[in-house]
């Protein structure tokens, strides 16, 4: 699996990494070894280019709902 895919899988499961990413996405992607091209594609928000770099089938949208018993 590419660094690109590994990074985004980790981003989806690591709350601390996600908070860092929200503050400075470019720096966090650089620190995790993404190429300048990959970073620019992500920052562009171009769905087709992101899918191409990820080697993914067309992306779907998902809604995640968290509940707490507090």
PDB file of N, CA and C in Angstrom:
ATOM      1  N   UNK A   1       0.855  -1.174   0.000  1.00  0.00           N
ATOM      2  CA  UNK A   1       0.000   0.000   0.000  1.00  0.00           C
ATOM      3  C   UNK A   1       0.899   1.235   0.000  1.00  0.00           C
ATOM      4  N   UNK A   2       0.518   2.251  -0.750  1.00  0.00           N
ATOM      5  CA  UNK A   2       1.318   3.468  -0.867  1.00  0.00           C
ATOM      6  C   UNK A   2       1.278   4.289   0.427  1.00  0.00           C
ATOM      7  N   UNK A   3       2.292   5.147   0.577  1.00  0.00           N
ATOM      8  CA  UNK A   3       2.310   6.051   1.729  1.00  0.00           C
ATOM      9  C   UNK A   3       1.051   6.903   1.765  1.00  0.00           C
ATOM     10  N   UNK A   4       0.576   7.273   0.579  1.00  0.00           N
ATOM     11  CA  UNK A   4      -0.632   8.087   0.464  1.00  0.00           C
ATOM     12  C   UNK A   4      -1.806   7.383   1.135  1.00  0.00           C
ATOM     13  N   UNK A   5      -2.046   6.140   0.752  1.00  0.00           N
ATOM     14  CA  UNK A   5      -3.172   5.395   1.304  1.00  0.00           C
ATOM     15  C   UNK A   5      -2.983   5.081   2.782  1.00  0.00           C
ATOM     16  N   UNK A   6      -1.777   4.721   3.169  1.00  0.00           N
ATOM     17  CA  UNK A   6      -1.499   4.428   4.579  1.00  0.00           C
ATOM     18  C   UNK A   6      -1.773   5.667   5.428  1.00  0.00           C
ATOM     19  N   UNK A   7      -1.311   6.818   4.945  1.00  0.00           N
ATOM     20  CA  UNK A   7      -1.519   8.055   5.695  1.00  0.00           C
ATOM     21  C   UNK A   7      -3.008   8.333   5.900  1.00  0.00           C
ATOM     22  N   UNK A   8      -3.798   8.227   4.830  1.00  0.00           N
ATOM     23  CA  UNK A   8      -5.209   8.573   4.969  1.00  0.00           C
ATOM     24  C   UNK A   8      -5.994   7.529   5.758  1.00  0.00           C
ATOM     25  N   UNK A   9      -5.548   6.286   5.749  1.00  0.00           N
ATOM     26  CA  UNK A   9      -6.183   5.296   6.631  1.00  0.00           C
ATOM     27  C   UNK A   9      -5.890   5.640   8.087  1.00  0.00           C
ATOM     28  N   UNK A  10      -4.637   6.009   8.359  1.00  0.00           N
ATOM     29  CA  UNK A  10      -4.268   6.382   9.726  1.00  0.00           C
ATOM     30  C   UNK A  10      -5.015   7.651  10.160  1.00  0.00           C
ATOM     31  N   UNK A  11      -5.148   8.598   9.232  1.00  0.00           N
ATOM     32  CA  UNK A  11      -5.852   9.840   9.536  1.00  0.00           C
ATOM     33  C   UNK A  11      -7.290   9.574   9.971  1.00  0.00           C
ATOM     34  N   UNK A  12      -7.887   8.544   9.414  1.00  0.00           N
ATOM     35  CA  UNK A  12      -9.259   8.209   9.759  1.00  0.00           C
ATOM     36  C   UNK A  12      -9.415   7.513  11.096  1.00  0.00           C
ATOM     37  N   UNK A  13      -8.297   7.068  11.690  1.00  0.00           N
ATOM     38  CA  UNK A  13      -8.402   6.325  12.943  1.00  0.00           C
ATOM     39  C   UNK A  13      -7.581   6.927  14.086  1.00  0.00           C
ATOM     40  N   UNK A  14      -6.875   8.011  13.825  1.00  0.00           N
ATOM     41  CA  UNK A  14      -6.001   8.610  14.830  1.00  0.00           C
ATOM     42  C   UNK A  14      -6.461  10.046  15.092  1.00  0.00           C
ATOM     43  N   UNK A  15      -7.168  10.236  16.184  1.00  0.00           N
ATOM     44  CA  UNK A  15      -7.760  11.542  16.496  1.00  0.00           C
ATOM     45  C   UNK A  15      -6.707  12.635  16.648  1.00  0.00           C
ATOM     46  N   UNK A  16      -5.581  12.302  17.249  1.00  0.00           N
ATOM     47  CA  UNK A  16      -4.517  13.298  17.437  1.00  0.00           C
ATOM     48  C   UNK A  16      -3.957  13.737  16.079  1.00  0.00           C
ATOM     49  N   UNK A  17      -3.738  12.777  15.199  1.00  0.00           N
ATOM     50  CA  UNK A  17      -3.245  13.089  13.862  1.00  0.00           C
ATOM     51  C   UNK A  17      -4.258  13.945  13.106  1.00  0.00           C
ATOM     52  N   UNK A  18      -5.520  13.635  13.250  1.00  0.00           N
ATOM     53  CA  UNK A  18      -6.563  14.408  12.587  1.00  0.00           C
ATOM     54  C   UNK A  18      -6.564  15.858  13.068  1.00  0.00           C
ATOM     55  N   UNK A  19      -6.402  16.068  14.352  1.00  0.00           N
ATOM     56  CA  UNK A  19      -6.368  17.435  14.879  1.00  0.00           C
ATOM     57  C   UNK A  19      -5.156  18.191  14.342  1.00  0.00           C
ATOM     58  N   UNK A  20      -4.016  17.519  14.265  1.00  0.00           N
ATOM     59  CA  UNK A  20      -2.815  18.138  13.695  1.00  0.00           C
ATOM     60  C   UNK A  20      -3.054  18.487  12.230  1.00  0.00           C
ATOM     61  N   UNK A  21      -3.692  17.573  11.505  1.00  0.00           N
ATOM     62  CA  UNK A  21      -3.991  17.771  10.088  1.00  0.00           C
ATOM     63  C   UNK A  21      -4.918  18.971   9.887  1.00  0.00           C
ATOM     64  N   UNK A  22      -5.902  19.110  10.754  1.00  0.00           N
ATOM     65  CA  UNK A  22      -6.825  20.243  10.648  1.00  0.00           C
ATOM     66  C   UNK A  22      -6.090  21.571  10.825  1.00  0.00           C
ATOM     67  N   UNK A  23      -5.067  21.588  11.678  1.00  0.00           N
ATOM     68  CA  UNK A  23      -4.306  22.808  11.940  1.00  0.00           C
ATOM     69  C   UNK A  23      -3.362  23.152  10.790  1.00  0.00           C
ATOM     70  N   UNK A  24      -2.713  22.130  10.193  1.00  0.00           N
ATOM     71  CA  UNK A  24      -1.724  22.384   9.129  1.00  0.00           C
ATOM     72  C   UNK A  24      -1.600  21.152   8.243  1.00  0.00           C
ATOM     73  N   UNK A  25      -2.562  20.961   7.338  1.00  0.00           N
ATOM     74  CA  UNK A  25      -2.575  19.747   6.525  1.00  0.00           C
ATOM     75  C   UNK A  25      -1.296  19.542   5.709  1.00  0.00           C
ATOM     76  N   UNK A  26      -0.776  20.600   5.125  1.00  0.00           N
ATOM     77  CA  UNK A  26       0.415  20.455   4.288  1.00  0.00           C
ATOM     78  C   UNK A  26       1.607  19.951   5.099  1.00  0.00           C
ATOM     79  N   UNK A  27       1.845  20.539   6.260  1.00  0.00           N
ATOM     80  CA  UNK A  27       2.977  20.127   7.094  1.00  0.00           C
ATOM     81  C   UNK A  27       2.829  18.681   7.562  1.00  0.00           C
ATOM     82  N   UNK A  28       1.620  18.288   7.921  1.00  0.00           N
ATOM     83  CA  UNK A  28       1.385  16.926   8.404  1.00  0.00           C
ATOM     84  C   UNK A  28       1.597  15.920   7.271  1.00  0.00           C
ATOM     85  N   UNK A  29       1.114  16.233   6.072  1.00  0.00           N
ATOM     86  CA  UNK A  29       1.331  15.326   4.945  1.00  0.00           C
ATOM     87  C   UNK A  29       2.817  15.225   4.605  1.00  0.00           C
ATOM     88  N   UNK A  30       3.533  16.349   4.647  1.00  0.00           N
ATOM     89  CA  UNK A  30       4.968  16.327   4.396  1.00  0.00           C
ATOM     90  C   UNK A  30       5.685  15.466   5.431  1.00  0.00           C
ATOM     91  N   UNK A  31       5.313  15.623   6.691  1.00  0.00           N
ATOM     92  CA  UNK A  31       5.946  14.868   7.771  1.00  0.00           C
ATOM     93  C   UNK A  31       5.711  13.360   7.634  1.00  0.00           C
ATOM     94  N   UNK A  32       4.647  12.982   6.940  1.00  0.00           N
ATOM     95  CA  UNK A  32       4.335  11.564   6.760  1.00  0.00           C
ATOM     96  C   UNK A  32       4.776  11.036   5.405  1.00  0.00           C
ATOM     97  N   UNK A  33       5.608  11.819   4.705  1.00  0.00           N
ATOM     98  CA  UNK A  33       6.262  11.324   3.507  1.00  0.00           C
ATOM     99  C   UNK A  33       5.492  11.400   2.211  1.00  0.00           C
ATOM    100  N   UNK A  34       4.388  12.157   2.178  1.00  0.00           N
ATOM    101  CA  UNK A  34       3.674  12.309   0.917  1.00  0.00           C
ATOM    102  C   UNK A  34       4.488  13.205  -0.007  1.00  0.00           C
ATOM    103  N   UNK A  35       4.413  12.919  -1.292  1.00  0.00           N
ATOM    104  CA  UNK A  35       5.149  13.719  -2.272  1.00  0.00           C
ATOM    105  C   UNK A  35       4.487  15.077  -2.438  1.00  0.00           C
ATOM    106  N   UNK A  36       5.236  16.020  -2.992  1.00  0.00           N
ATOM    107  CA  UNK A  36       4.681  17.347  -3.235  1.00  0.00           C
ATOM    108  C   UNK A  36       3.483  17.258  -4.179  1.00  0.00           C
ATOM    109  N   UNK A  37       3.557  16.377  -5.171  1.00  0.00           N
ATOM    110  CA  UNK A  37       2.435  16.193  -6.095  1.00  0.00           C
ATOM    111  C   UNK A  37       1.199  15.692  -5.362  1.00  0.00           C
ATOM    112  N   UNK A  38       1.376  14.697  -4.483  1.00  0.00           N
ATOM    113  CA  UNK A  38       0.244  14.163  -3.722  1.00  0.00           C
ATOM    114  C   UNK A  38      -0.374  15.238  -2.841  1.00  0.00           C
ATOM    115  N   UNK A  39       0.475  16.017  -2.196  1.00  0.00           N
ATOM    116  CA  UNK A  39      -0.004  17.077  -1.309  1.00  0.00           C
ATOM    117  C   UNK A  39      -0.818  18.104  -2.097  1.00  0.00           C
ATOM    118  N   UNK A  40      -0.305  18.512  -3.235  1.00  0.00           N
ATOM    119  CA  UNK A  40      -1.007  19.510  -4.040  1.00  0.00           C
ATOM    120  C   UNK A  40      -2.347  18.983  -4.546  1.00  0.00           C
ATOM    121  N   UNK A  41      -2.399  17.707  -4.893  1.00  0.00           N
ATOM    122  CA  UNK A  41      -3.663  17.113  -5.341  1.00  0.00           C
ATOM    123  C   UNK A  41      -4.680  17.132  -4.206  1.00  0.00           C
ATOM    124  N   UNK A  42      -4.259  16.742  -3.016  1.00  0.00           N
ATOM    125  CA  UNK A  42      -5.176  16.750  -1.870  1.00  0.00           C
ATOM    126  C   UNK A  42      -5.664  18.168  -1.597  1.00  0.00           C
ATOM    127  N   UNK A  43      -4.741  19.115  -1.586  1.00  0.00           N
ATOM    128  CA  UNK A  43      -5.119  20.495  -1.294  1.00  0.00           C
ATOM    129  C   UNK A  43      -6.028  21.091  -2.371  1.00  0.00           C
ATOM    130  N   UNK A  44      -5.930  20.575  -3.581  1.00  0.00           N
ATOM    131  CA  UNK A  44      -6.788  21.072  -4.667  1.00  0.00           C
ATOM    132  C   UNK A  44      -8.244  20.646  -4.477  1.00  0.00           C
ATOM    133  N   UNK A  45      -8.433  19.521  -3.776  1.00  0.00           N
ATOM    134  CA  UNK A  45      -9.787  19.008  -3.579  1.00  0.00           C
ATOM    135  C   UNK A  45     -10.381  18.343  -4.808  1.00  0.00           C
ATOM    136  N   UNK A  46      -9.568  18.116  -5.838  1.00  0.00           N
ATOM    137  CA  UNK A  46     -10.045  17.518  -7.086  1.00  0.00           C
ATOM    138  C   UNK A  46     -10.277  16.016  -6.886  1.00  0.00           C
ATOM    139  N   UNK A  47     -11.533  15.642  -6.796  1.00  0.00           N
ATOM    140  CA  UNK A  47     -11.922  14.260  -6.503  1.00  0.00           C
ATOM    141  C   UNK A  47     -11.309  13.268  -7.497  1.00  0.00           C
ATOM    142  N   UNK A  48     -11.332  13.591  -8.770  1.00  0.00           N
ATOM    143  CA  UNK A  48     -10.807  12.670  -9.784  1.00  0.00           C
ATOM    144  C   UNK A  48      -9.305  12.467  -9.642  1.00  0.00           C
ATOM    145  N   UNK A  49      -8.575  13.541  -9.366  1.00  0.00           N
ATOM    146  CA  UNK A  49      -7.122  13.420  -9.186  1.00  0.00           C
ATOM    147  C   UNK A  49      -6.797  12.635  -7.911  1.00  0.00           C
ATOM    148  N   UNK A  50      -7.567  12.871  -6.860  1.00  0.00           N
ATOM    149  CA  UNK A  50      -7.340  12.138  -5.604  1.00  0.00           C
ATOM    150  C   UNK A  50      -7.576  10.649  -5.826  1.00  0.00           C
ATOM    151  N   UNK A  51      -8.664  10.313  -6.507  1.00  0.00           N
ATOM    152  CA  UNK A  51      -8.948   8.903  -6.801  1.00  0.00           C
ATOM    153  C   UNK A  51      -7.826   8.291  -7.634  1.00  0.00           C
ATOM    154  N   UNK A  52      -7.314   9.044  -8.587  1.00  0.00           N
ATOM    155  CA  UNK A  52      -6.244   8.549  -9.446  1.00  0.00           C
ATOM    156  C   UNK A  52      -4.978   8.246  -8.646  1.00  0.00           C
ATOM    157  N   UNK A  53      -4.590   9.165  -7.780  1.00  0.00           N
ATOM    158  CA  UNK A  53      -3.387   8.956  -6.969  1.00  0.00           C
ATOM    159  C   UNK A  53      -3.586   7.805  -5.982  1.00  0.00           C
ATOM    160  N   UNK A  54      -4.775   7.699  -5.433  1.00  0.00           N
ATOM    161  CA  UNK A  54      -5.055   6.647  -4.454  1.00  0.00           C
ATOM    162  C   UNK A  54      -5.206   5.285  -5.110  1.00  0.00           C
ATOM    163  N   UNK A  55      -5.395   5.287  -6.435  1.00  0.00           N
ATOM    164  CA  UNK A  55      -5.628   4.026  -7.124  1.00  0.00           C
ATOM    165  C   UNK A  55      -6.979   3.453  -6.751  1.00  0.00           C
ATOM    166  N   UNK A  56      -7.895   4.342  -6.430  1.00  0.00           N
ATOM    167  CA  UNK A  56      -9.184   3.913  -5.894  1.00  0.00           C
ATOM    168  C   UNK A  56     -10.261   3.878  -6.954  1.00  0.00           C
ATOM    169  N   UNK A  57     -11.250   3.118  -6.646  1.00  0.00           N
ATOM    170  CA  UNK A  57     -12.484   3.159  -7.405  1.00  0.00           C
ATOM    171  C   UNK A  57     -13.177   4.454  -7.008  1.00  0.00           C
ATOM    172  N   UNK A  58     -14.162   4.892  -7.752  1.00  0.00           N
ATOM    173  CA  UNK A  58     -14.846   6.135  -7.382  1.00  0.00           C
ATOM    174  C   UNK A  58     -15.239   6.165  -5.911  1.00  0.00           C
ATOM    175  N   UNK A  59     -15.007   7.319  -5.296  1.00  0.00           N
ATOM    176  CA  UNK A  59     -15.284   7.476  -3.871  1.00  0.00           C
ATOM    177  C   UNK A  59     -16.772   7.638  -3.623  1.00  0.00           C
ATOM    178  N   UNK A  60     -17.192   7.140  -2.504  1.00  0.00           N
ATOM    179  CA  UNK A  60     -18.562   7.355  -2.062  1.00  0.00           C
ATOM    180  C   UNK A  60     -18.544   8.317  -0.894  1.00  0.00           C
ATOM    181  N   UNK A  61     -19.683   8.661  -0.436  1.00  0.00           N
ATOM    182  CA  UNK A  61     -19.789   9.515   0.733  1.00  0.00           C
ATOM    183  C   UNK A  61     -20.366   8.694   1.871  1.00  0.00           C
ATOM    184  N   UNK A  62     -19.845   8.922   3.048  1.00  0.00           N
ATOM    185  CA  UNK A  62     -20.305   8.200   4.219  1.00  0.00           C
ATOM    186  C   UNK A  62     -20.562   9.187   5.339  1.00  0.00           C
ATOM    187  N   UNK A  63     -21.549   8.907   6.128  1.00  0.00           N
ATOM    188  CA  UNK A  63     -21.822   9.696   7.317  1.00  0.00           C
ATOM    189  C   UNK A  63     -21.543   8.828   8.521  1.00  0.00           C
ATOM    190  N   UNK A  64     -20.740   9.356   9.426  1.00  0.00           N
ATOM    191  CA  UNK A  64     -20.411   8.612  10.641  1.00  0.00           C
ATOM    192  C   UNK A  64     -21.023   9.370  11.801  1.00  0.00           C
ATOM    193  N   UNK A  65     -21.757   8.645  12.622  1.00  0.00           N
ATOM    194  CA  UNK A  65     -22.414   9.246  13.769  1.00  0.00           C
ATOM    195  C   UNK A  65     -21.884   8.580  15.029  1.00  0.00           C
ATOM    196  N   UNK A  66     -21.351   9.390  15.945  1.00  0.00           N
ATOM    197  CA  UNK A  66     -20.855   8.880  17.214  1.00  0.00           C
ATOM    198  C   UNK A  66     -21.856   9.233  18.302  1.00  0.00           C
ATOM    199  N   UNK A  67     -22.061   8.315  19.199  1.00  0.00           N
ATOM    200  CA  UNK A  67     -22.921   8.591  20.338  1.00  0.00           C
ATOM    201  C   UNK A  67     -22.132   8.328  21.613  1.00  0.00           C
ATOM    202  N   UNK A  68     -22.537   8.954  22.652  1.00  0.00           N
ATOM    203  CA  UNK A  68     -21.856   8.797  23.934  1.00  0.00           C
ATOM    204  C   UNK A  68     -22.880   8.478  25.005  1.00  0.00           C
ATOM    205  N   UNK A  69     -22.466   7.662  25.944  1.00  0.00           N
ATOM    206  CA  UNK A  69     -23.355   7.314  27.060  1.00  0.00           C
ATOM    207  C   UNK A  69     -23.151   8.247  28.248  1.00  0.00           C
ATOM    208  N   UNK A  70     -22.453   9.326  28.055  1.00  0.00           N
ATOM    209  CA  UNK A  70     -22.178  10.273  29.151  1.00  0.00           C
ATOM    210  C   UNK A  70     -23.389  11.063  29.512  1.00  0.00           C
TER     211      UNK A  70
END
